[in-house]
């Protein structure tokens, strides 16, 4: 799955290596795009496509808001992020990934994420 890459000094926000918006990967100049990082972002692209982009962002925002008052890191406990982080080292994950696989990560957030 091809991902368009845009190098910019504006996005992503401080503390992040990359941000995937509508299947376009925005990264700061000088950020090394490892196989794991690229796979993480390809997983997000698959999630976005299967949810027709707008529903992905809506669900992402709602889940983040729900997880904010919970114990642990709200961002790292979002199901979309949990799926991507859990599988970013498996470079063949997208070949066998089922649609809506992120749903498996909705329950039991990982409270130990920083």
Protein backbone atom coordinates (compact mmCIF):
# COMPACT_ATOMS: atom_id res chain seq x y z
CA UNK A 1 0.00 0.00 0.00
CA UNK A 2 1.63 3.20 -1.18
CA UNK A 3 1.65 6.19 1.14
CA UNK A 4 2.43 9.67 -0.15
CA UNK A 5 5.07 11.38 2.02
CA UNK A 6 5.23 15.14 2.56
CA UNK A 7 8.19 16.64 4.43
CA UNK A 8 7.19 19.77 6.32
CA UNK A 9 8.20 21.87 9.31
CA UNK A 10 4.57 22.48 10.33
CA UNK A 11 3.19 18.98 10.83
CA UNK A 12 3.24 16.82 12.88
CA UNK A 13 2.86 18.45 16.26
CA UNK A 14 5.76 18.43 18.72
CA UNK A 15 6.48 15.02 20.19
CA UNK A 16 5.30 13.07 17.15
CA UNK A 17 7.37 11.65 14.30
CA UNK A 18 4.59 11.57 11.74
CA UNK A 19 0.90 12.22 11.21
CA UNK A 20 -1.27 10.46 8.66
CA UNK A 21 -4.00 12.65 7.24
CA UNK A 22 -6.22 11.16 4.52
CA UNK A 23 -3.54 8.62 3.67
CA UNK A 24 -0.83 11.28 3.28
CA UNK A 25 2.07 11.02 5.69
CA UNK A 26 3.39 14.34 7.00
CA UNK A 27 6.85 14.18 8.61
CA UNK A 28 9.40 16.71 9.74
CA UNK A 29 12.58 17.11 7.71
CA UNK A 30 15.25 14.70 8.92
CA UNK A 31 12.89 12.12 10.47
CA UNK A 32 14.02 8.60 9.61
CA UNK A 33 11.16 6.59 8.12
CA UNK A 34 11.90 3.12 9.44
CA UNK A 35 10.07 0.05 8.17
CA UNK A 36 8.20 -0.09 11.48
CA UNK A 37 7.09 3.55 11.30
CA UNK A 38 5.96 3.14 7.70
CA UNK A 39 4.05 -0.03 8.57
CA UNK A 40 2.38 1.77 11.51
CA UNK A 41 1.22 4.51 9.16
CA UNK A 42 0.08 2.03 6.50
CA UNK A 43 -2.08 0.38 9.15
CA UNK A 44 -3.64 3.78 9.84
CA UNK A 45 -4.24 4.27 6.12
CA UNK A 46 -6.06 0.91 5.98
CA UNK A 47 -8.15 1.93 9.01
CA UNK A 48 -9.01 5.27 7.43
CA UNK A 49 -9.99 3.76 4.09
CA UNK A 50 -12.25 1.11 5.59
CA UNK A 51 -14.05 3.81 7.57
CA UNK A 52 -14.30 6.20 4.62
CA UNK A 53 -11.89 8.64 6.27
CA UNK A 54 -14.45 10.94 7.91
CA UNK A 55 -15.82 8.19 10.19
CA UNK A 56 -12.27 7.25 11.18
CA UNK A 57 -11.53 10.77 12.39
CA UNK A 58 -14.87 11.04 14.14
CA UNK A 59 -14.38 7.71 15.94
CA UNK A 60 -10.75 8.62 16.75
CA UNK A 61 -11.79 11.91 18.34
CA UNK A 62 -14.66 10.37 20.30
CA UNK A 63 -12.50 7.55 21.62
CA UNK A 64 -9.74 9.98 22.61
CA UNK A 65 -12.27 12.12 24.51
CA UNK A 66 -13.66 9.05 26.28
CA UNK A 67 -10.17 7.90 27.27
CA UNK A 68 -8.93 11.31 28.48
CA UNK A 69 -10.29 10.96 32.03
CA UNK A 70 -9.22 7.30 32.23
CA UNK A 71 -6.01 6.04 33.74
CA UNK A 72 -3.07 5.82 31.33
CA UNK A 73 -2.19 7.66 28.15
CA UNK A 74 -5.36 8.53 26.17
CA UNK A 75 -3.53 8.67 22.82
CA UNK A 76 -1.75 5.33 23.25
CA UNK A 77 -4.97 3.67 24.43
CA UNK A 78 -7.04 4.59 21.36
CA UNK A 79 -7.93 1.32 19.64
CA UNK A 80 -6.58 2.52 16.28
CA UNK A 81 -3.21 3.34 17.85
CA UNK A 82 -3.14 0.11 19.84
CA UNK A 83 -3.65 -1.94 16.68
CA UNK A 84 -0.95 0.01 14.83
CA UNK A 85 1.59 -0.15 17.67
CA UNK A 86 0.90 -3.85 18.34
CA UNK A 87 1.52 -4.77 14.71
CA UNK A 88 4.02 -2.24 13.41
CA UNK A 89 6.91 -4.73 13.57
CA UNK A 90 4.96 -7.36 11.61
CA UNK A 91 5.70 -6.13 8.11
CA UNK A 92 3.25 -8.68 6.65
CA UNK A 93 0.36 -7.72 8.95
CA UNK A 94 -1.63 -5.90 6.27
CA UNK A 95 -1.59 -9.01 4.07
CA UNK A 96 -3.68 -10.92 6.63
CA UNK A 97 -5.42 -8.09 8.50
CA UNK A 98 -9.19 -8.39 8.69
CA UNK A 99 -11.35 -5.34 8.12
CA UNK A 100 -12.14 -3.45 11.32
CA UNK A 101 -9.42 -5.34 13.22
CA UNK A 102 -9.05 -2.29 15.48
CA UNK A 103 -12.32 -3.33 17.21
CA UNK A 104 -10.39 -6.06 19.04
CA UNK A 105 -8.47 -3.28 20.81
CA UNK A 106 -11.49 -1.35 22.09
CA UNK A 107 -11.65 -3.27 25.35
CA UNK A 108 -9.00 -3.55 28.00
CA UNK A 109 -6.83 -0.50 27.31
CA UNK A 110 -3.15 -0.86 28.05
CA UNK A 111 -2.81 1.32 31.16
CA UNK A 112 0.91 0.89 31.20
CA UNK A 113 1.49 2.95 28.03
CA UNK A 114 3.28 6.22 28.59
